[in-house]
Amino acid sequence: MKQILESIIKSLVDAPNEVQVIEVNGEKTIIFELRCNAKDVGKIIGKNGKTVGAIRTLLNSMAAKQGRKAMIEVVD
C-alpha cells in the first residue's frame, strides 16, 4: 500500500523528490504520514478535500482486505 500511495502522491506534486510516506502500523489501523513541499500540500488535499478523500477511499478499500482501516495525515 505504501508504494501505491507514494506513486499516486508523486504524480500529483511538482516536487516528487521531496515526498516522504511514513507508515505507522497499529492493531487495526494503518496511518500514513505524508510529508512534502509546503507548496504541494494544496494539490494533495484538492478542492474541498476531494483529492485526499479519493485517495483515502482507495486506501481503505485495500486495507479492508486485511481487516484494517487506513488513515492519511498530510504533514508539511
PDB file of N, CA and C in Angstrom:
ATOM      1  N   MET A   1       0.813  -1.194   0.000  1.00  0.00           N
ATOM      2  CA  MET A   1       0.000   0.000   0.000  1.00  0.00           C
ATOM      3  C   MET A   1       0.858   1.260   0.000  1.00  0.00           C
ATOM      4  N   LYS A   2       1.951   1.213   0.742  1.00  0.00           N
ATOM      5  CA  LYS A   2       2.815   2.385   0.836  1.00  0.00           C
ATOM      6  C   LYS A   2       3.367   2.775  -0.535  1.00  0.00           C
ATOM      7  N   GLN A   3       3.787   1.793  -1.324  1.00  0.00           N
ATOM      8  CA  GLN A   3       4.348   2.084  -2.644  1.00  0.00           C
ATOM      9  C   GLN A   3       3.289   2.668  -3.573  1.00  0.00           C
ATOM     10  N   ILE A   4       2.076   2.154  -3.487  1.00  0.00           N
ATOM     11  CA  ILE A   4       0.990   2.673  -4.317  1.00  0.00           C
ATOM     12  C   ILE A   4       0.690   4.114  -3.936  1.00  0.00           C
ATOM     13  N   LEU A   5       0.614   4.388  -2.639  1.00  0.00           N
ATOM     14  CA  LEU A   5       0.357   5.746  -2.169  1.00  0.00           C
ATOM     15  C   LEU A   5       1.459   6.696  -2.617  1.00  0.00           C
ATOM     16  N   GLU A   6       2.712   6.268  -2.499  1.00  0.00           N
ATOM     17  CA  GLU A   6       3.833   7.103  -2.935  1.00  0.00           C
ATOM     18  C   GLU A   6       3.735   7.442  -4.408  1.00  0.00           C
ATOM     19  N   SER A   7       3.427   6.471  -5.241  1.00  0.00           N
ATOM     20  CA  SER A   7       3.359   6.733  -6.681  1.00  0.00           C
ATOM     21  C   SER A   7       2.201   7.663  -7.017  1.00  0.00           C
ATOM     22  N   ILE A   8       1.077   7.536  -6.324  1.00  0.00           N
ATOM     23  CA  ILE A   8      -0.054   8.439  -6.565  1.00  0.00           C
ATOM     24  C   ILE A   8       0.319   9.865  -6.176  1.00  0.00           C
ATOM     25  N   ILE A   9       0.884  10.032  -4.985  1.00  0.00           N
ATOM     26  CA  ILE A   9       1.236  11.366  -4.496  1.00  0.00           C
ATOM     27  C   ILE A   9       2.310  12.001  -5.372  1.00  0.00           C
ATOM     28  N   LYS A  10       3.328  11.237  -5.745  1.00  0.00           N
ATOM     29  CA  LYS A  10       4.404  11.782  -6.574  1.00  0.00           C
ATOM     30  C   LYS A  10       3.904  12.229  -7.942  1.00  0.00           C
ATOM     31  N   SER A  11       2.858  11.593  -8.448  1.00  0.00           N
ATOM     32  CA  SER A  11       2.317  12.004  -9.745  1.00  0.00           C
ATOM     33  C   SER A  11       1.505  13.295  -9.640  1.00  0.00           C
ATOM     34  N   LEU A  12       1.100  13.677  -8.438  1.00  0.00           N
ATOM     35  CA  LEU A  12       0.288  14.878  -8.250  1.00  0.00           C
ATOM     36  C   LEU A  12       1.104  16.141  -7.995  1.00  0.00           C
ATOM     37  N   VAL A  13       2.285  16.007  -7.426  1.00  0.00           N
ATOM     38  CA  VAL A  13       3.032  17.166  -6.935  1.00  0.00           C
ATOM     39  C   VAL A  13       4.083  17.653  -7.931  1.00  0.00           C
ATOM     40  N   ASP A  14       4.566  18.888  -7.684  1.00  0.00           N
ATOM     41  CA  ASP A  14       5.616  19.468  -8.522  1.00  0.00           C
ATOM     42  C   ASP A  14       7.010  19.025  -8.092  1.00  0.00           C
ATOM     43  N   ALA A  15       7.169  18.661  -6.828  1.00  0.00           N
ATOM     44  CA  ALA A  15       8.474  18.247  -6.304  1.00  0.00           C
ATOM     45  C   ALA A  15       8.382  16.809  -5.784  1.00  0.00           C
ATOM     46  N   PRO A  16       8.351  15.818  -6.686  1.00  0.00           N
ATOM     47  CA  PRO A  16       8.185  14.431  -6.239  1.00  0.00           C
ATOM     48  C   PRO A  16       9.348  13.898  -5.413  1.00  0.00           C
ATOM     49  N   ASN A  17      10.529  14.487  -5.573  1.00  0.00           N
ATOM     50  CA  ASN A  17      11.681  14.013  -4.803  1.00  0.00           C
ATOM     51  C   ASN A  17      11.601  14.411  -3.327  1.00  0.00           C
ATOM     52  N   GLU A  18      10.685  15.318  -2.977  1.00  0.00           N
ATOM     53  CA  GLU A  18      10.526  15.746  -1.586  1.00  0.00           C
ATOM     54  C   GLU A  18       9.397  15.009  -0.868  1.00  0.00           C
ATOM     55  N   VAL A  19       8.770  14.074  -1.546  1.00  0.00           N
ATOM     56  CA  VAL A  19       7.653  13.334  -0.951  1.00  0.00           C
ATOM     57  C   VAL A  19       8.187  12.201  -0.077  1.00  0.00           C
ATOM     58  N   GLN A  20       7.682  12.131   1.142  1.00  0.00           N
ATOM     59  CA  GLN A  20       8.009  11.040   2.060  1.00  0.00           C
ATOM     60  C   GLN A  20       6.708  10.460   2.591  1.00  0.00           C
ATOM     61  N   VAL A  21       6.622   9.156   2.607  1.00  0.00           N
ATOM     62  CA  VAL A  21       5.464   8.477   3.180  1.00  0.00           C
ATOM     63  C   VAL A  21       5.968   7.595   4.318  1.00  0.00           C
ATOM     64  N   ILE A  22       5.462   7.848   5.506  1.00  0.00           N
ATOM     65  CA  ILE A  22       5.835   7.069   6.682  1.00  0.00           C
ATOM     66  C   ILE A  22       4.624   6.239   7.088  1.00  0.00           C
ATOM     67  N   GLU A  23       4.821   4.943   7.209  1.00  0.00           N
ATOM     68  CA  GLU A  23       3.737   4.022   7.558  1.00  0.00           C
ATOM     69  C   GLU A  23       3.847   3.645   9.029  1.00  0.00           C
ATOM     70  N   VAL A  24       2.765   3.875   9.768  1.00  0.00           N
ATOM     71  CA  VAL A  24       2.707   3.520  11.182  1.00  0.00           C
ATOM     72  C   VAL A  24       1.616   2.466  11.336  1.00  0.00           C
ATOM     73  N   ASN A  25       2.020   1.254  11.713  1.00  0.00           N
ATOM     74  CA  ASN A  25       1.074   0.148  11.832  1.00  0.00           C
ATOM     75  C   ASN A  25       0.563   0.021  13.253  1.00  0.00           C
ATOM     76  N   GLY A  26      -0.758   0.008  13.367  1.00  0.00           N
ATOM     77  CA  GLY A  26      -1.409  -0.264  14.641  1.00  0.00           C
ATOM     78  C   GLY A  26      -2.079  -1.622  14.558  1.00  0.00           C
ATOM     79  N   GLU A  27      -2.854  -1.958  15.578  1.00  0.00           N
ATOM     80  CA  GLU A  27      -3.516  -3.251  15.589  1.00  0.00           C
ATOM     81  C   GLU A  27      -4.552  -3.366  14.473  1.00  0.00           C
ATOM     82  N   LYS A  28      -5.417  -2.365  14.379  1.00  0.00           N
ATOM     83  CA  LYS A  28      -6.475  -2.404  13.370  1.00  0.00           C
ATOM     84  C   LYS A  28      -6.420  -1.209  12.433  1.00  0.00           C
ATOM     85  N   THR A  29      -5.384  -0.415  12.546  1.00  0.00           N
ATOM     86  CA  THR A  29      -5.283   0.807  11.759  1.00  0.00           C
ATOM     87  C   THR A  29      -3.879   0.953  11.184  1.00  0.00           C
ATOM     88  N   ILE A  30      -3.822   1.464   9.967  1.00  0.00           N
ATOM     89  CA  ILE A  30      -2.552   1.839   9.348  1.00  0.00           C
ATOM     90  C   ILE A  30      -2.616   3.344   9.126  1.00  0.00           C
ATOM     91  N   ILE A  31      -1.650   4.057   9.655  1.00  0.00           N
ATOM     92  CA  ILE A  31      -1.600   5.503   9.475  1.00  0.00           C
ATOM     93  C   ILE A  31      -0.455   5.823   8.528  1.00  0.00           C
ATOM     94  N   PHE A  32      -0.763   6.592   7.494  1.00  0.00           N
ATOM     95  CA  PHE A  32       0.249   7.037   6.551  1.00  0.00           C
ATOM     96  C   PHE A  32       0.462   8.529   6.758  1.00  0.00           C
ATOM     97  N   GLU A  33       1.683   8.901   7.116  1.00  0.00           N
ATOM     98  CA  GLU A  33       2.036  10.310   7.263  1.00  0.00           C
ATOM     99  C   GLU A  33       2.696  10.763   5.969  1.00  0.00           C
ATOM    100  N   LEU A  34       2.123  11.780   5.342  1.00  0.00           N
ATOM    101  CA  LEU A  34       2.671  12.311   4.097  1.00  0.00           C
ATOM    102  C   LEU A  34       3.419  13.593   4.392  1.00  0.00           C
ATOM    103  N   ARG A  35       4.654  13.639   3.982  1.00  0.00           N
ATOM    104  CA  ARG A  35       5.455  14.855   4.105  1.00  0.00           C
ATOM    105  C   ARG A  35       5.858  15.279   2.705  1.00  0.00           C
ATOM    106  N   CYS A  36       5.681  16.571   2.425  1.00  0.00           N
ATOM    107  CA  CYS A  36       6.015  17.071   1.092  1.00  0.00           C
ATOM    108  C   CYS A  36       6.335  18.553   1.185  1.00  0.00           C
ATOM    109  N   ASN A  37       6.682  19.117   0.056  1.00  0.00           N
ATOM    110  CA  ASN A  37       6.933  20.544  -0.048  1.00  0.00           C
ATOM    111  C   ASN A  37       5.655  21.286   0.327  1.00  0.00           C
ATOM    112  N   ALA A  38       5.780  22.381   1.058  1.00  0.00           N
ATOM    113  CA  ALA A  38       4.604  23.137   1.503  1.00  0.00           C
ATOM    114  C   ALA A  38       3.756  23.628   0.335  1.00  0.00           C
ATOM    115  N   LYS A  39       4.388  23.883  -0.810  1.00  0.00           N
ATOM    116  CA  LYS A  39       3.646  24.357  -1.984  1.00  0.00           C
ATOM    117  C   LYS A  39       2.765  23.267  -2.590  1.00  0.00           C
ATOM    118  N   ASP A  40       3.060  22.014  -2.289  1.00  0.00           N
ATOM    119  CA  ASP A  40       2.322  20.899  -2.877  1.00  0.00           C
ATOM    120  C   ASP A  40       1.176  20.386  -2.008  1.00  0.00           C
ATOM    121  N   VAL A  41       1.055  20.886  -0.797  1.00  0.00           N
ATOM    122  CA  VAL A  41       0.019  20.389   0.112  1.00  0.00           C
ATOM    123  C   VAL A  41      -1.370  20.601  -0.480  1.00  0.00           C
ATOM    124  N   GLY A  42      -1.600  21.756  -1.071  1.00  0.00           N
ATOM    125  CA  GLY A  42      -2.900  22.047  -1.671  1.00  0.00           C
ATOM    126  C   GLY A  42      -3.249  21.102  -2.799  1.00  0.00           C
ATOM    127  N   LYS A  43      -2.257  20.672  -3.549  1.00  0.00           N
ATOM    128  CA  LYS A  43      -2.500  19.736  -4.649  1.00  0.00           C
ATOM    129  C   LYS A  43      -2.896  18.365  -4.123  1.00  0.00           C
ATOM    130  N   ILE A  44      -2.328  17.975  -3.007  1.00  0.00           N
ATOM    131  CA  ILE A  44      -2.664  16.682  -2.415  1.00  0.00           C
ATOM    132  C   ILE A  44      -4.071  16.717  -1.817  1.00  0.00           C
ATOM    133  N   ILE A  45      -4.392  17.802  -1.132  1.00  0.00           N
ATOM    134  CA  ILE A  45      -5.706  17.909  -0.500  1.00  0.00           C
ATOM    135  C   ILE A  45      -6.800  18.107  -1.551  1.00  0.00           C
ATOM    136  N   GLY A  46      -6.552  18.962  -2.523  1.00  0.00           N
ATOM    137  CA  GLY A  46      -7.536  19.198  -3.577  1.00  0.00           C
ATOM    138  C   GLY A  46      -8.640  20.136  -3.124  1.00  0.00           C
ATOM    139  N   LYS A  47      -9.474  20.520  -4.070  1.00  0.00           N
ATOM    140  CA  LYS A  47     -10.574  21.437  -3.790  1.00  0.00           C
ATOM    141  C   LYS A  47     -11.579  20.753  -2.866  1.00  0.00           C
ATOM    142  N   ASN A  48     -11.847  21.399  -1.746  1.00  0.00           N
ATOM    143  CA  ASN A  48     -12.761  20.868  -0.723  1.00  0.00           C
ATOM    144  C   ASN A  48     -12.352  19.484  -0.226  1.00  0.00           C
ATOM    145  N   GLY A  49     -11.073  19.133  -0.340  1.00  0.00           N
ATOM    146  CA  GLY A  49     -10.580  17.854   0.164  1.00  0.00           C
ATOM    147  C   GLY A  49     -10.943  16.655  -0.689  1.00  0.00           C
ATOM    148  N   LYS A  50     -11.362  16.908  -1.926  1.00  0.00           N
ATOM    149  CA  LYS A  50     -11.814  15.798  -2.773  1.00  0.00           C
ATOM    150  C   LYS A  50     -10.682  14.861  -3.177  1.00  0.00           C
ATOM    151  N   THR A  51      -9.511  15.394  -3.460  1.00  0.00           N
ATOM    152  CA  THR A  51      -8.402  14.541  -3.893  1.00  0.00           C
ATOM    153  C   THR A  51      -7.955  13.619  -2.766  1.00  0.00           C
ATOM    154  N   VAL A  52      -7.706  14.181  -1.601  1.00  0.00           N
ATOM    155  CA  VAL A  52      -7.273  13.349  -0.475  1.00  0.00           C
ATOM    156  C   VAL A  52      -8.399  12.403  -0.054  1.00  0.00           C
ATOM    157  N   GLY A  53      -9.629  12.810  -0.222  1.00  0.00           N
ATOM    158  CA  GLY A  53     -10.758  11.929   0.080  1.00  0.00           C
ATOM    159  C   GLY A  53     -10.796  10.715  -0.829  1.00  0.00           C
ATOM    160  N   ALA A  54     -10.512  10.938  -2.113  1.00  0.00           N
ATOM    161  CA  ALA A  54     -10.484   9.824  -3.066  1.00  0.00           C
ATOM    162  C   ALA A  54      -9.332   8.874  -2.750  1.00  0.00           C
ATOM    163  N   ILE A  55      -8.188   9.432  -2.371  1.00  0.00           N
ATOM    164  CA  ILE A  55      -7.038   8.597  -2.014  1.00  0.00           C
ATOM    165  C   ILE A  55      -7.356   7.785  -0.758  1.00  0.00           C
ATOM    166  N   ARG A  56      -8.021   8.410   0.212  1.00  0.00           N
ATOM    167  CA  ARG A  56      -8.423   7.690   1.435  1.00  0.00           C
ATOM    168  C   ARG A  56      -9.354   6.528   1.107  1.00  0.00           C
ATOM    169  N   THR A  57     -10.278   6.759   0.182  1.00  0.00           N
ATOM    170  CA  THR A  57     -11.214   5.704  -0.212  1.00  0.00           C
ATOM    171  C   THR A  57     -10.471   4.513  -0.799  1.00  0.00           C
ATOM    172  N   LEU A  58      -9.495   4.782  -1.672  1.00  0.00           N
ATOM    173  CA  LEU A  58      -8.701   3.700  -2.254  1.00  0.00           C
ATOM    174  C   LEU A  58      -7.936   2.928  -1.183  1.00  0.00           C
ATOM    175  N   LEU A  59      -7.288   3.659  -0.290  1.00  0.00           N
ATOM    176  CA  LEU A  59      -6.504   3.004   0.761  1.00  0.00           C
ATOM    177  C   LEU A  59      -7.388   2.188   1.698  1.00  0.00           C
ATOM    178  N   ASN A  60      -8.558   2.719   2.033  1.00  0.00           N
ATOM    179  CA  ASN A  60      -9.461   1.978   2.913  1.00  0.00           C
ATOM    180  C   ASN A  60      -9.970   0.714   2.249  1.00  0.00           C
ATOM    181  N   SER A  61     -10.166   0.754   0.939  1.00  0.00           N
ATOM    182  CA  SER A  61     -10.586  -0.455   0.220  1.00  0.00           C
ATOM    183  C   SER A  61      -9.495  -1.517   0.272  1.00  0.00           C
ATOM    184  N   MET A  62      -8.250  -1.095   0.103  1.00  0.00           N
ATOM    185  CA  MET A  62      -7.139  -2.044   0.170  1.00  0.00           C
ATOM    186  C   MET A  62      -6.946  -2.568   1.593  1.00  0.00           C
ATOM    187  N   ALA A  63      -7.078  -1.687   2.578  1.00  0.00           N
ATOM    188  CA  ALA A  63      -6.885  -2.087   3.974  1.00  0.00           C
ATOM    189  C   ALA A  63      -8.006  -3.008   4.450  1.00  0.00           C
ATOM    190  N   ALA A  64      -9.197  -2.838   3.903  1.00  0.00           N
ATOM    191  CA  ALA A  64     -10.336  -3.664   4.319  1.00  0.00           C
ATOM    192  C   ALA A  64     -10.099  -5.140   4.015  1.00  0.00           C
ATOM    193  N   LYS A  65      -9.325  -5.420   2.980  1.00  0.00           N
ATOM    194  CA  LYS A  65      -8.995  -6.812   2.662  1.00  0.00           C
ATOM    195  C   LYS A  65      -8.200  -7.468   3.789  1.00  0.00           C
ATOM    196  N   GLN A  66      -7.495  -6.648   4.551  1.00  0.00           N
ATOM    197  CA  GLN A  66      -6.705  -7.146   5.679  1.00  0.00           C
ATOM    198  C   GLN A  66      -7.451  -6.987   7.005  1.00  0.00           C
ATOM    199  N   GLY A  67      -8.698  -6.515   6.938  1.00  0.00           N
ATOM    200  CA  GLY A  67      -9.476  -6.296   8.152  1.00  0.00           C
ATOM    201  C   GLY A  67      -9.014  -5.090   8.943  1.00  0.00           C
ATOM    202  N   ARG A  68      -8.478  -4.089   8.247  1.00  0.00           N
ATOM    203  CA  ARG A  68      -7.939  -2.906   8.903  1.00  0.00           C
ATOM    204  C   ARG A  68      -8.530  -1.647   8.292  1.00  0.00           C
ATOM    205  N   LYS A  69      -8.195  -0.505   8.882  1.00  0.00           N
ATOM    206  CA  LYS A  69      -8.578   0.797   8.347  1.00  0.00           C
ATOM    207  C   LYS A  69      -7.308   1.584   8.061  1.00  0.00           C
ATOM    208  N   ALA A  70      -7.390   2.477   7.079  1.00  0.00           N
ATOM    209  CA  ALA A  70      -6.238   3.299   6.720  1.00  0.00           C
ATOM    210  C   ALA A  70      -6.565   4.766   6.950  1.00  0.00           C
ATOM    211  N   MET A  71      -5.576   5.502   7.433  1.00  0.00           N
ATOM    212  CA  MET A  71      -5.724   6.937   7.640  1.00  0.00           C
ATOM    213  C   MET A  71      -4.552   7.647   6.978  1.00  0.00           C
ATOM    214  N   ILE A  72      -4.820   8.854   6.470  1.00  0.00           N
ATOM    215  CA  ILE A  72      -3.764   9.670   5.874  1.00  0.00           C
ATOM    216  C   ILE A  72      -3.667  10.966   6.664  1.00  0.00           C
ATOM    217  N   GLU A  73      -2.455  11.325   7.039  1.00  0.00           N
ATOM    218  CA  GLU A  73      -2.188  12.609   7.675  1.00  0.00           C
ATOM    219  C   GLU A  73      -1.205  13.357   6.790  1.00  0.00           C
ATOM    220  N   VAL A  74      -1.609  14.534   6.325  1.00  0.00           N
ATOM    221  CA  VAL A  74      -0.728  15.350   5.496  1.00  0.00           C
ATOM    222  C   VAL A  74       0.023  16.299   6.421  1.00  0.00           C
ATOM    223  N   VAL A  75       1.338  16.147   6.459  1.00  0.00           N
ATOM    224  CA  VAL A  75       2.194  16.947   7.329  1.00  0.00           C
ATOM    225  C   VAL A  75       3.105  17.777   6.440  1.00  0.00           C
ATOM    226  N   ASP A  76       3.152  19.091   6.702  1.00  0.00           N
ATOM    227  CA  ASP A  76       4.060  19.922   5.886  1.00  0.00           C
ATOM    228  C   ASP A  76       5.198  20.462   6.702  1.00  0.00           C
TER     229      ASP A  76
END
